[in-house]
Amino acid sequence: MGKTILVVDDSSIMRKMIKQTLIGAGHRVVGEAKSGDESVTLYQRLNPELVTMDITMRGMDGIAAAKAILEFDAGARIIMLSNLDEDKFSKEAVQIGAKGYINKHKTAEILALIDRL
C-alpha cells in the first residue's frame, strides 16, 4: 500500500517529475506546494504520511519549513531533496529531524527510503 505524500518544490517541472515517480511506485500525492509557507499550511490541512521537501525556495526555505512542520507534528516524516552539497545539507537535514537527504534526481534512492519509512 502506497503512502500519502506532500511534494514541495518551487520548480513546477521538478514537482511534476517527483510526482510521476511517486505515483508510478504506487504512492498517492495528496498535495503540492511551491513554497515553504505553503507546505506548512498544506501539511496541517492534509496530514500526509510523508513530505518530500526541496531545500532552496524563495521566502521560507525547506529547512525552515521542515522545522515548522516538525514543531506542529514531531512525528512528521520529511525527506529533504536537493541538488546542493550533500555533505553539508545531509547533516543539517538529520539535525533538524528529517528522515533523510537525497539528491532529487536519484529516484531509486528516494523510493527506497520511502519504502523504509
N, C-alpha and C. Protein backbone atom coordinates (compact mmCIF):
# COMPACT_ATOMS: atom_id res chain seq x y z
N MET A 1 0.85 -1.19 0.00
CA MET A 1 0.00 0.00 0.00
C MET A 1 0.88 1.24 0.00
N GLY A 2 0.64 2.15 -0.90
CA GLY A 2 1.44 3.36 -1.00
C GLY A 2 1.14 4.35 0.10
N LYS A 3 2.02 5.32 0.23
CA LYS A 3 1.89 6.36 1.25
C LYS A 3 1.25 7.61 0.65
N THR A 4 0.63 8.41 1.51
CA THR A 4 0.13 9.72 1.08
C THR A 4 1.27 10.72 1.26
N ILE A 5 1.53 11.49 0.21
CA ILE A 5 2.73 12.34 0.19
C ILE A 5 2.40 13.75 -0.26
N LEU A 6 3.04 14.72 0.42
CA LEU A 6 3.01 16.12 0.03
C LEU A 6 4.34 16.43 -0.65
N VAL A 7 4.30 16.93 -1.88
CA VAL A 7 5.50 17.24 -2.65
C VAL A 7 5.72 18.75 -2.59
N VAL A 8 6.93 19.15 -2.15
CA VAL A 8 7.25 20.57 -2.01
C VAL A 8 8.49 20.90 -2.82
N ASP A 9 8.33 21.77 -3.81
CA ASP A 9 9.45 22.22 -4.64
C ASP A 9 9.00 23.49 -5.36
N ASP A 10 9.88 24.48 -5.47
CA ASP A 10 9.49 25.72 -6.13
C ASP A 10 9.47 25.59 -7.65
N SER A 11 10.02 24.52 -8.19
CA SER A 11 10.02 24.28 -9.63
C SER A 11 8.85 23.39 -10.01
N SER A 12 7.97 23.89 -10.88
CA SER A 12 6.83 23.09 -11.31
C SER A 12 7.28 21.85 -12.08
N ILE A 13 8.36 21.98 -12.83
CA ILE A 13 8.90 20.82 -13.56
C ILE A 13 9.38 19.76 -12.59
N MET A 14 10.09 20.17 -11.55
CA MET A 14 10.59 19.22 -10.56
C MET A 14 9.43 18.57 -9.80
N ARG A 15 8.42 19.34 -9.42
CA ARG A 15 7.25 18.77 -8.74
C ARG A 15 6.61 17.70 -9.62
N LYS A 16 6.49 18.00 -10.91
CA LYS A 16 5.88 17.04 -11.83
C LYS A 16 6.71 15.76 -11.91
N MET A 17 8.03 15.89 -12.00
CA MET A 17 8.90 14.70 -12.09
C MET A 17 8.82 13.86 -10.82
N ILE A 18 8.86 14.52 -9.68
CA ILE A 18 8.79 13.80 -8.40
C ILE A 18 7.43 13.12 -8.27
N LYS A 19 6.38 13.85 -8.62
CA LYS A 19 5.02 13.31 -8.54
C LYS A 19 4.88 12.06 -9.42
N GLN A 20 5.37 12.12 -10.65
CA GLN A 20 5.29 10.97 -11.56
C GLN A 20 6.04 9.77 -10.99
N THR A 21 7.20 10.01 -10.40
CA THR A 21 7.99 8.94 -9.80
C THR A 21 7.21 8.28 -8.66
N LEU A 22 6.64 9.11 -7.80
CA LEU A 22 5.91 8.60 -6.63
C LEU A 22 4.65 7.84 -7.04
N ILE A 23 3.88 8.41 -7.94
CA ILE A 23 2.65 7.75 -8.40
C ILE A 23 2.98 6.44 -9.11
N GLY A 24 4.04 6.46 -9.92
CA GLY A 24 4.45 5.25 -10.62
C GLY A 24 4.84 4.13 -9.68
N ALA A 25 5.25 4.48 -8.47
CA ALA A 25 5.64 3.48 -7.47
C ALA A 25 4.47 3.11 -6.55
N GLY A 26 3.28 3.64 -6.84
CA GLY A 26 2.10 3.26 -6.06
C GLY A 26 1.75 4.18 -4.92
N HIS A 27 2.42 5.32 -4.81
CA HIS A 27 2.11 6.28 -3.75
C HIS A 27 1.04 7.25 -4.25
N ARG A 28 0.43 7.98 -3.31
CA ARG A 28 -0.61 8.94 -3.66
C ARG A 28 -0.16 10.34 -3.24
N VAL A 29 -0.01 11.22 -4.20
CA VAL A 29 0.37 12.61 -3.92
C VAL A 29 -0.92 13.35 -3.57
N VAL A 30 -1.01 13.78 -2.30
CA VAL A 30 -2.23 14.44 -1.82
C VAL A 30 -2.17 15.96 -1.94
N GLY A 31 -0.96 16.49 -2.22
CA GLY A 31 -0.83 17.93 -2.35
C GLY A 31 0.53 18.30 -2.90
N GLU A 32 0.59 19.51 -3.46
CA GLU A 32 1.83 20.07 -3.98
C GLU A 32 1.96 21.49 -3.48
N ALA A 33 3.17 21.84 -3.04
CA ALA A 33 3.43 23.21 -2.57
C ALA A 33 4.65 23.75 -3.30
N LYS A 34 4.60 25.06 -3.60
CA LYS A 34 5.73 25.68 -4.29
C LYS A 34 6.57 26.56 -3.38
N SER A 35 6.21 26.59 -2.09
CA SER A 35 6.97 27.40 -1.14
C SER A 35 6.93 26.74 0.24
N GLY A 36 7.84 27.17 1.09
CA GLY A 36 7.86 26.66 2.45
C GLY A 36 6.60 27.02 3.21
N ASP A 37 6.17 28.27 3.07
CA ASP A 37 4.95 28.72 3.75
C ASP A 37 3.75 27.86 3.34
N GLU A 38 3.62 27.64 2.05
CA GLU A 38 2.50 26.85 1.54
C GLU A 38 2.58 25.40 2.05
N SER A 39 3.80 24.87 2.17
CA SER A 39 3.96 23.49 2.63
C SER A 39 3.47 23.31 4.07
N VAL A 40 3.74 24.29 4.92
CA VAL A 40 3.31 24.21 6.32
C VAL A 40 1.78 24.22 6.38
N THR A 41 1.16 25.12 5.65
CA THR A 41 -0.30 25.21 5.62
C THR A 41 -0.91 23.91 5.10
N LEU A 42 -0.38 23.40 3.98
CA LEU A 42 -0.93 22.17 3.41
C LEU A 42 -0.70 20.97 4.31
N TYR A 43 0.45 20.92 4.96
CA TYR A 43 0.71 19.79 5.87
C TYR A 43 -0.34 19.76 6.98
N GLN A 44 -0.61 20.91 7.55
CA GLN A 44 -1.58 20.98 8.64
C GLN A 44 -2.99 20.60 8.17
N ARG A 45 -3.31 20.94 6.94
CA ARG A 45 -4.64 20.64 6.41
C ARG A 45 -4.77 19.20 5.91
N LEU A 46 -3.72 18.67 5.26
CA LEU A 46 -3.82 17.37 4.59
C LEU A 46 -3.33 16.20 5.44
N ASN A 47 -2.44 16.49 6.40
CA ASN A 47 -1.88 15.44 7.25
C ASN A 47 -1.32 14.25 6.46
N PRO A 48 -0.39 14.49 5.54
CA PRO A 48 0.17 13.41 4.74
C PRO A 48 1.08 12.51 5.59
N GLU A 49 1.32 11.30 5.12
CA GLU A 49 2.21 10.39 5.83
C GLU A 49 3.67 10.79 5.65
N LEU A 50 3.95 11.54 4.58
CA LEU A 50 5.34 11.86 4.23
C LEU A 50 5.39 13.16 3.44
N VAL A 51 6.51 13.88 3.57
CA VAL A 51 6.73 15.10 2.80
C VAL A 51 8.07 14.98 2.09
N THR A 52 8.10 15.30 0.77
CA THR A 52 9.38 15.48 0.09
C THR A 52 9.58 16.99 0.01
N MET A 53 10.71 17.48 0.52
CA MET A 53 10.91 18.92 0.70
C MET A 53 12.19 19.39 0.02
N ASP A 54 12.03 20.30 -0.93
CA ASP A 54 13.17 20.96 -1.55
C ASP A 54 13.80 21.88 -0.51
N ILE A 55 15.11 22.10 -0.60
CA ILE A 55 15.77 22.96 0.38
C ILE A 55 15.72 24.43 -0.03
N THR A 56 16.08 24.73 -1.27
CA THR A 56 16.16 26.13 -1.67
C THR A 56 14.88 26.59 -2.35
N MET A 57 14.19 27.52 -1.67
CA MET A 57 12.97 28.13 -2.21
C MET A 57 12.95 29.57 -1.74
N ARG A 58 12.28 30.42 -2.50
CA ARG A 58 12.13 31.82 -2.10
C ARG A 58 11.26 31.90 -0.85
N GLY A 59 11.48 32.94 -0.07
CA GLY A 59 10.72 33.09 1.17
C GLY A 59 11.21 32.08 2.18
N MET A 60 10.30 31.33 2.76
CA MET A 60 10.67 30.30 3.72
C MET A 60 11.30 29.13 2.97
N ASP A 61 12.57 28.83 3.28
CA ASP A 61 13.23 27.72 2.60
C ASP A 61 12.81 26.38 3.21
N GLY A 62 13.29 25.29 2.63
CA GLY A 62 12.89 23.96 3.05
C GLY A 62 13.30 23.60 4.46
N ILE A 63 14.46 24.08 4.90
CA ILE A 63 14.92 23.80 6.26
C ILE A 63 13.96 24.45 7.27
N ALA A 64 13.64 25.72 7.05
CA ALA A 64 12.73 26.44 7.94
C ALA A 64 11.33 25.81 7.91
N ALA A 65 10.88 25.42 6.72
CA ALA A 65 9.56 24.79 6.60
C ALA A 65 9.53 23.45 7.33
N ALA A 66 10.59 22.66 7.18
CA ALA A 66 10.65 21.37 7.87
C ALA A 66 10.61 21.57 9.38
N LYS A 67 11.35 22.57 9.86
CA LYS A 67 11.33 22.87 11.30
C LYS A 67 9.92 23.23 11.76
N ALA A 68 9.23 24.05 10.97
CA ALA A 68 7.87 24.48 11.33
C ALA A 68 6.91 23.29 11.34
N ILE A 69 7.04 22.41 10.36
CA ILE A 69 6.19 21.22 10.31
C ILE A 69 6.48 20.32 11.51
N LEU A 70 7.74 20.15 11.84
CA LEU A 70 8.12 19.29 12.97
C LEU A 70 7.70 19.89 14.31
N GLU A 71 7.63 21.23 14.39
CA GLU A 71 7.11 21.86 15.61
C GLU A 71 5.62 21.59 15.75
N PHE A 72 4.91 21.58 14.63
CA PHE A 72 3.48 21.29 14.62
C PHE A 72 3.23 19.80 14.89
N ASP A 73 4.07 18.94 14.30
CA ASP A 73 3.90 17.49 14.42
C ASP A 73 5.28 16.84 14.53
N ALA A 74 5.68 16.54 15.74
CA ALA A 74 7.02 15.96 15.98
C ALA A 74 7.21 14.62 15.28
N GLY A 75 6.13 13.97 14.91
CA GLY A 75 6.21 12.69 14.23
C GLY A 75 6.22 12.79 12.72
N ALA A 76 6.25 14.01 12.19
CA ALA A 76 6.25 14.19 10.73
C ALA A 76 7.45 13.50 10.10
N ARG A 77 7.22 12.90 8.95
CA ARG A 77 8.31 12.24 8.21
C ARG A 77 8.60 13.07 6.97
N ILE A 78 9.79 13.68 6.99
CA ILE A 78 10.19 14.60 5.92
C ILE A 78 11.49 14.10 5.30
N ILE A 79 11.50 14.04 3.97
CA ILE A 79 12.72 13.72 3.23
C ILE A 79 13.13 14.99 2.50
N MET A 80 14.34 15.43 2.74
CA MET A 80 14.85 16.62 2.07
C MET A 80 15.42 16.19 0.71
N LEU A 81 15.03 16.90 -0.34
CA LEU A 81 15.51 16.63 -1.69
C LEU A 81 16.17 17.89 -2.23
N SER A 82 17.36 17.74 -2.80
CA SER A 82 18.04 18.90 -3.36
C SER A 82 19.16 18.44 -4.27
N ASN A 83 19.75 19.40 -4.98
CA ASN A 83 20.94 19.14 -5.78
C ASN A 83 22.16 19.82 -5.14
N LEU A 84 21.99 20.33 -3.93
CA LEU A 84 23.05 21.06 -3.26
C LEU A 84 24.06 20.13 -2.60
N ASP A 85 25.10 20.71 -2.03
CA ASP A 85 26.20 19.99 -1.38
C ASP A 85 25.67 18.94 -0.39
N GLU A 86 25.79 17.69 -0.76
CA GLU A 86 25.20 16.61 0.04
C GLU A 86 25.80 16.52 1.44
N ASP A 87 27.11 16.68 1.57
CA ASP A 87 27.73 16.56 2.90
C ASP A 87 27.18 17.60 3.86
N LYS A 88 27.13 18.84 3.43
CA LYS A 88 26.68 19.93 4.30
C LYS A 88 25.19 19.78 4.65
N PHE A 89 24.36 19.59 3.64
CA PHE A 89 22.91 19.61 3.88
C PHE A 89 22.36 18.31 4.43
N SER A 90 23.01 17.19 4.18
CA SER A 90 22.50 15.93 4.75
C SER A 90 22.63 15.95 6.27
N LYS A 91 23.72 16.52 6.78
CA LYS A 91 23.90 16.63 8.23
C LYS A 91 22.86 17.57 8.83
N GLU A 92 22.65 18.70 8.18
CA GLU A 92 21.67 19.66 8.68
C GLU A 92 20.26 19.06 8.66
N ALA A 93 19.94 18.32 7.60
CA ALA A 93 18.62 17.70 7.49
C ALA A 93 18.37 16.74 8.65
N VAL A 94 19.35 15.93 8.97
CA VAL A 94 19.21 14.96 10.06
C VAL A 94 19.12 15.70 11.41
N GLN A 95 19.91 16.76 11.57
CA GLN A 95 19.91 17.52 12.83
C GLN A 95 18.54 18.13 13.13
N ILE A 96 17.83 18.56 12.09
CA ILE A 96 16.52 19.18 12.35
C ILE A 96 15.41 18.14 12.50
N GLY A 97 15.70 16.87 12.18
CA GLY A 97 14.71 15.83 12.37
C GLY A 97 14.16 15.21 11.09
N ALA A 98 14.73 15.59 9.94
CA ALA A 98 14.30 14.97 8.69
C ALA A 98 14.76 13.51 8.66
N LYS A 99 14.07 12.71 7.90
CA LYS A 99 14.37 11.27 7.82
C LYS A 99 15.49 10.97 6.83
N GLY A 100 15.90 11.96 6.05
CA GLY A 100 16.98 11.74 5.10
C GLY A 100 17.15 12.91 4.17
N TYR A 101 18.25 12.86 3.41
CA TYR A 101 18.57 13.86 2.41
C TYR A 101 19.04 13.11 1.17
N ILE A 102 18.39 13.36 0.06
CA ILE A 102 18.73 12.64 -1.17
C ILE A 102 18.74 13.62 -2.33
N ASN A 103 19.66 13.40 -3.27
CA ASN A 103 19.68 14.18 -4.50
C ASN A 103 18.36 13.92 -5.22
N LYS A 104 17.68 14.98 -5.63
CA LYS A 104 16.33 14.83 -6.19
C LYS A 104 16.29 14.07 -7.51
N HIS A 105 17.43 13.83 -8.13
CA HIS A 105 17.46 13.08 -9.39
C HIS A 105 17.73 11.59 -9.17
N LYS A 106 17.96 11.18 -7.94
CA LYS A 106 18.23 9.77 -7.64
C LYS A 106 16.94 9.08 -7.22
N THR A 107 16.07 8.86 -8.20
CA THR A 107 14.73 8.38 -7.90
C THR A 107 14.72 7.02 -7.21
N ALA A 108 15.63 6.15 -7.56
CA ALA A 108 15.65 4.81 -6.92
C ALA A 108 15.94 4.95 -5.43
N GLU A 109 16.85 5.86 -5.07
CA GLU A 109 17.18 6.08 -3.65
C GLU A 109 16.01 6.72 -2.91
N ILE A 110 15.31 7.62 -3.55
CA ILE A 110 14.14 8.26 -2.93
C ILE A 110 13.10 7.20 -2.61
N LEU A 111 12.80 6.38 -3.60
CA LEU A 111 11.78 5.33 -3.40
C LEU A 111 12.21 4.31 -2.36
N ALA A 112 13.49 3.97 -2.34
CA ALA A 112 13.98 3.00 -1.34
C ALA A 112 13.82 3.56 0.08
N LEU A 113 14.14 4.85 0.26
CA LEU A 113 13.99 5.47 1.58
C LEU A 113 12.52 5.53 1.98
N ILE A 114 11.65 5.90 1.06
CA ILE A 114 10.23 5.97 1.35
C ILE A 114 9.72 4.60 1.79
N ASP A 115 10.15 3.56 1.12
CA ASP A 115 9.71 2.21 1.48
C ASP A 115 10.16 1.79 2.87
N ARG A 116 11.27 2.35 3.35
CA ARG A 116 11.78 2.02 4.68
C ARG A 116 11.06 2.79 5.79
N LEU A 117 10.39 3.85 5.45
CA LEU A 117 9.74 4.69 6.46
C LEU A 117 8.36 4.18 6.82
